[in-house]
């Protein structure tokens, strides 16, 4: 990692240019050269973000590259909540309706052979 944000920025720009060059000359996103350029770009981005933060205590407004698996993990966490902490996002729209507000509620129907009704 480069401790100087300016040097890290120069490396990031070079990695962006390399990625564009490789991506423009290949048709397959899984081509080893494309994958390698993407990995170098990812490393350069995180190096720049870290150098910037260390020097200024400011981060970039970008999340940075991430794996699709990381995105799935975030989705799983969104639905987790403590029983004591319920907010609007945790409720389904149906849960906001009181039972007496639902029009046309069905009465329980007798089962065949049930003569108790």
C-alpha atoms as a PDB file:
ATOM      1  CA  UNK A   1       0.000   0.000   0.000  1.00  0.00           C
ATOM      2  CA  UNK A   2       1.130   3.529  -0.774  1.00  0.00           C
ATOM      3  CA  UNK A   3       0.943   5.886   2.210  1.00  0.00           C
ATOM      4  CA  UNK A   4       0.854   8.980  -0.024  1.00  0.00           C
ATOM      5  CA  UNK A   5      -2.658   9.622  -1.372  1.00  0.00           C
ATOM      6  CA  UNK A   6      -1.290  11.383  -4.469  1.00  0.00           C
ATOM      7  CA  UNK A   7       0.874   8.374  -5.388  1.00  0.00           C
ATOM      8  CA  UNK A   8      -2.036   6.026  -4.651  1.00  0.00           C
ATOM      9  CA  UNK A   9      -4.257   8.148  -6.913  1.00  0.00           C
ATOM     10  CA  UNK A  10      -1.692   7.900  -9.714  1.00  0.00           C
ATOM     11  CA  UNK A  11      -1.675   4.103  -9.296  1.00  0.00           C
ATOM     12  CA  UNK A  12      -5.487   4.041  -9.309  1.00  0.00           C
ATOM     13  CA  UNK A  13      -5.675   6.025 -12.546  1.00  0.00           C
ATOM     14  CA  UNK A  14      -3.094   3.709 -14.139  1.00  0.00           C
ATOM     15  CA  UNK A  15      -5.131   0.680 -13.017  1.00  0.00           C
ATOM     16  CA  UNK A  16      -8.298   2.223 -14.478  1.00  0.00           C
ATOM     17  CA  UNK A  17      -6.538   2.820 -17.796  1.00  0.00           C
ATOM     18  CA  UNK A  18      -5.162  -0.732 -17.839  1.00  0.00           C
ATOM     19  CA  UNK A  19      -8.607  -2.155 -17.078  1.00  0.00           C
ATOM     20  CA  UNK A  20     -10.168  -0.136 -19.901  1.00  0.00           C
ATOM     21  CA  UNK A  21      -7.440  -1.233 -22.313  1.00  0.00           C
ATOM     22  CA  UNK A  22      -7.859  -4.928 -21.468  1.00  0.00           C
ATOM     23  CA  UNK A  23     -11.674  -4.814 -21.340  1.00  0.00           C
ATOM     24  CA  UNK A  24     -11.799  -3.080 -24.726  1.00  0.00           C
ATOM     25  CA  UNK A  25      -9.639  -5.724 -26.384  1.00  0.00           C
ATOM     26  CA  UNK A  26     -11.401  -8.793 -24.958  1.00  0.00           C
ATOM     27  CA  UNK A  27     -14.894 -10.187 -25.423  1.00  0.00           C
ATOM     28  CA  UNK A  28     -15.013 -12.549 -22.448  1.00  0.00           C
ATOM     29  CA  UNK A  29     -15.333 -11.019 -18.961  1.00  0.00           C
ATOM     30  CA  UNK A  30     -13.764 -14.209 -17.561  1.00  0.00           C
ATOM     31  CA  UNK A  31     -10.650 -13.825 -19.719  1.00  0.00           C
ATOM     32  CA  UNK A  32      -7.607 -14.124 -17.398  1.00  0.00           C
ATOM     33  CA  UNK A  33      -6.292 -10.722 -18.501  1.00  0.00           C
ATOM     34  CA  UNK A  34      -9.617  -9.059 -17.679  1.00  0.00           C
ATOM     35  CA  UNK A  35      -9.794 -10.793 -14.304  1.00  0.00           C
ATOM     36  CA  UNK A  36      -6.223  -9.772 -13.505  1.00  0.00           C
ATOM     37  CA  UNK A  37      -6.835  -6.151 -14.501  1.00  0.00           C
ATOM     38  CA  UNK A  38     -10.006  -6.100 -12.376  1.00  0.00           C
ATOM     39  CA  UNK A  39      -8.120  -7.449  -9.363  1.00  0.00           C
ATOM     40  CA  UNK A  40      -5.378  -4.846  -9.821  1.00  0.00           C
ATOM     41  CA  UNK A  41      -8.029  -2.134 -10.085  1.00  0.00           C
ATOM     42  CA  UNK A  42      -9.699  -3.350  -6.902  1.00  0.00           C
ATOM     43  CA  UNK A  43      -6.395  -3.341  -5.029  1.00  0.00           C
ATOM     44  CA  UNK A  44      -5.520   0.130  -6.343  1.00  0.00           C
ATOM     45  CA  UNK A  45      -8.917   1.471  -5.299  1.00  0.00           C
ATOM     46  CA  UNK A  46      -8.623   0.168  -1.745  1.00  0.00           C
ATOM     47  CA  UNK A  47      -5.012   1.401  -1.500  1.00  0.00           C
ATOM     48  CA  UNK A  48      -6.130   4.875  -2.541  1.00  0.00           C
ATOM     49  CA  UNK A  49      -9.115   4.869  -0.197  1.00  0.00           C
ATOM     50  CA  UNK A  50      -6.950   3.803   2.732  1.00  0.00           C
ATOM     51  CA  UNK A  51      -4.154   6.292   1.924  1.00  0.00           C
ATOM     52  CA  UNK A  52      -6.695   9.093   1.607  1.00  0.00           C
ATOM     53  CA  UNK A  53      -8.273   8.186   4.937  1.00  0.00           C
ATOM     54  CA  UNK A  54      -4.924   7.906   6.735  1.00  0.00           C
ATOM     55  CA  UNK A  55      -3.841  11.323   5.460  1.00  0.00           C
ATOM     56  CA  UNK A  56      -7.111  13.231   5.759  1.00  0.00           C
ATOM     57  CA  UNK A  57      -9.629  11.144   7.735  1.00  0.00           C
ATOM     58  CA  UNK A  58     -11.866  11.418   4.648  1.00  0.00           C
ATOM     59  CA  UNK A  59     -13.082   8.441   2.635  1.00  0.00           C
ATOM     60  CA  UNK A  60     -14.207   8.238  -0.947  1.00  0.00           C
ATOM     61  CA  UNK A  61     -17.967   8.370  -1.508  1.00  0.00           C
ATOM     62  CA  UNK A  62     -17.768   4.963  -3.215  1.00  0.00           C
ATOM     63  CA  UNK A  63     -18.365   1.539  -1.727  1.00  0.00           C
ATOM     64  CA  UNK A  64     -15.659   0.044  -3.860  1.00  0.00           C
ATOM     65  CA  UNK A  65     -15.672  -3.189  -5.749  1.00  0.00           C
ATOM     66  CA  UNK A  66     -17.227  -6.121  -3.968  1.00  0.00           C
ATOM     67  CA  UNK A  67     -18.086  -9.727  -4.649  1.00  0.00           C
ATOM     68  CA  UNK A  68     -21.656 -10.723  -5.417  1.00  0.00           C
ATOM     69  CA  UNK A  69     -21.481 -12.964  -2.336  1.00  0.00           C
ATOM     70  CA  UNK A  70     -20.790  -9.902  -0.169  1.00  0.00           C
ATOM     71  CA  UNK A  71     -23.986  -8.295  -1.490  1.00  0.00           C
ATOM     72  CA  UNK A  72     -25.978 -11.399  -0.564  1.00  0.00           C
ATOM     73  CA  UNK A  73     -24.645 -11.233   2.999  1.00  0.00           C
ATOM     74  CA  UNK A  74     -25.833  -7.639   3.332  1.00  0.00           C
ATOM     75  CA  UNK A  75     -29.323  -8.610   2.192  1.00  0.00           C
ATOM     76  CA  UNK A  76     -29.473 -11.299   4.869  1.00  0.00           C
ATOM     77  CA  UNK A  77     -28.583  -8.791   7.589  1.00  0.00           C
ATOM     78  CA  UNK A  78     -31.341  -6.365   6.582  1.00  0.00           C
ATOM     79  CA  UNK A  79     -34.062  -8.765   7.711  1.00  0.00           C
ATOM     80  CA  UNK A  80     -32.473  -9.449  11.097  1.00  0.00           C
ATOM     81  CA  UNK A  81     -33.890  -7.546  14.034  1.00  0.00           C
ATOM     82  CA  UNK A  82     -34.385  -7.951  17.752  1.00  0.00           C
ATOM     83  CA  UNK A  83     -37.903  -8.586  19.013  1.00  0.00           C
ATOM     84  CA  UNK A  84     -37.607  -5.382  21.055  1.00  0.00           C
ATOM     85  CA  UNK A  85     -36.591  -3.263  18.068  1.00  0.00           C
ATOM     86  CA  UNK A  86     -39.247  -3.193  15.356  1.00  0.00           C
ATOM     87  CA  UNK A  87     -39.435  -0.391  12.856  1.00  0.00           C
ATOM     88  CA  UNK A  88     -41.528   0.210   9.720  1.00  0.00           C
ATOM     89  CA  UNK A  89     -39.026  -1.540   7.466  1.00  0.00           C
ATOM     90  CA  UNK A  90     -39.394  -4.742   9.479  1.00  0.00           C
ATOM     91  CA  UNK A  91     -43.159  -4.894   8.946  1.00  0.00           C
ATOM     92  CA  UNK A  92     -44.958  -6.191   5.903  1.00  0.00           C
ATOM     93  CA  UNK A  93     -47.729  -3.976   4.572  1.00  0.00           C
ATOM     94  CA  UNK A  94     -50.287  -6.601   5.602  1.00  0.00           C
ATOM     95  CA  UNK A  95     -49.197  -6.393   9.236  1.00  0.00           C
ATOM     96  CA  UNK A  96     -50.163  -2.716   9.420  1.00  0.00           C
ATOM     97  CA  UNK A  97     -53.884  -3.532   8.923  1.00  0.00           C
ATOM     98  CA  UNK A  98     -56.011  -4.317  11.931  1.00  0.00           C
ATOM     99  CA  UNK A  99     -58.252  -7.406  11.674  1.00  0.00           C
ATOM    100  CA  UNK A 100     -61.482  -5.389  11.703  1.00  0.00           C
ATOM    101  CA  UNK A 101     -60.247  -3.216   8.811  1.00  0.00           C
ATOM    102  CA  UNK A 102     -60.115  -6.113   6.360  1.00  0.00           C
ATOM    103  CA  UNK A 103     -63.215  -6.181   4.215  1.00  0.00           C
ATOM    104  CA  UNK A 104     -64.853  -9.478   3.383  1.00  0.00           C
ATOM    105  CA  UNK A 105     -63.096 -11.589   5.982  1.00  0.00           C
ATOM    106  CA  UNK A 106     -64.092 -15.191   5.539  1.00  0.00           C
ATOM    107  CA  UNK A 107     -65.790 -17.103   8.278  1.00  0.00           C
ATOM    108  CA  UNK A 108     -64.433 -20.556   9.008  1.00  0.00           C
ATOM    109  CA  UNK A 109     -66.247 -23.082   6.824  1.00  0.00           C
ATOM    110  CA  UNK A 110     -67.452 -26.384   8.242  1.00  0.00           C
ATOM    111  CA  UNK A 111     -65.619 -29.433   7.070  1.00  0.00           C
ATOM    112  CA  UNK A 112     -67.633 -32.105   5.261  1.00  0.00           C
ATOM    113  CA  UNK A 113     -69.455 -34.311   7.728  1.00  0.00           C
ATOM    114  CA  UNK A 114     -69.246 -31.675  10.507  1.00  0.00           C
ATOM    115  CA  UNK A 115     -72.781 -31.290  11.892  1.00  0.00           C
ATOM    116  CA  UNK A 116     -71.903 -28.977  14.783  1.00  0.00           C
ATOM    117  CA  UNK A 117     -73.025 -25.863  12.852  1.00  0.00           C
END
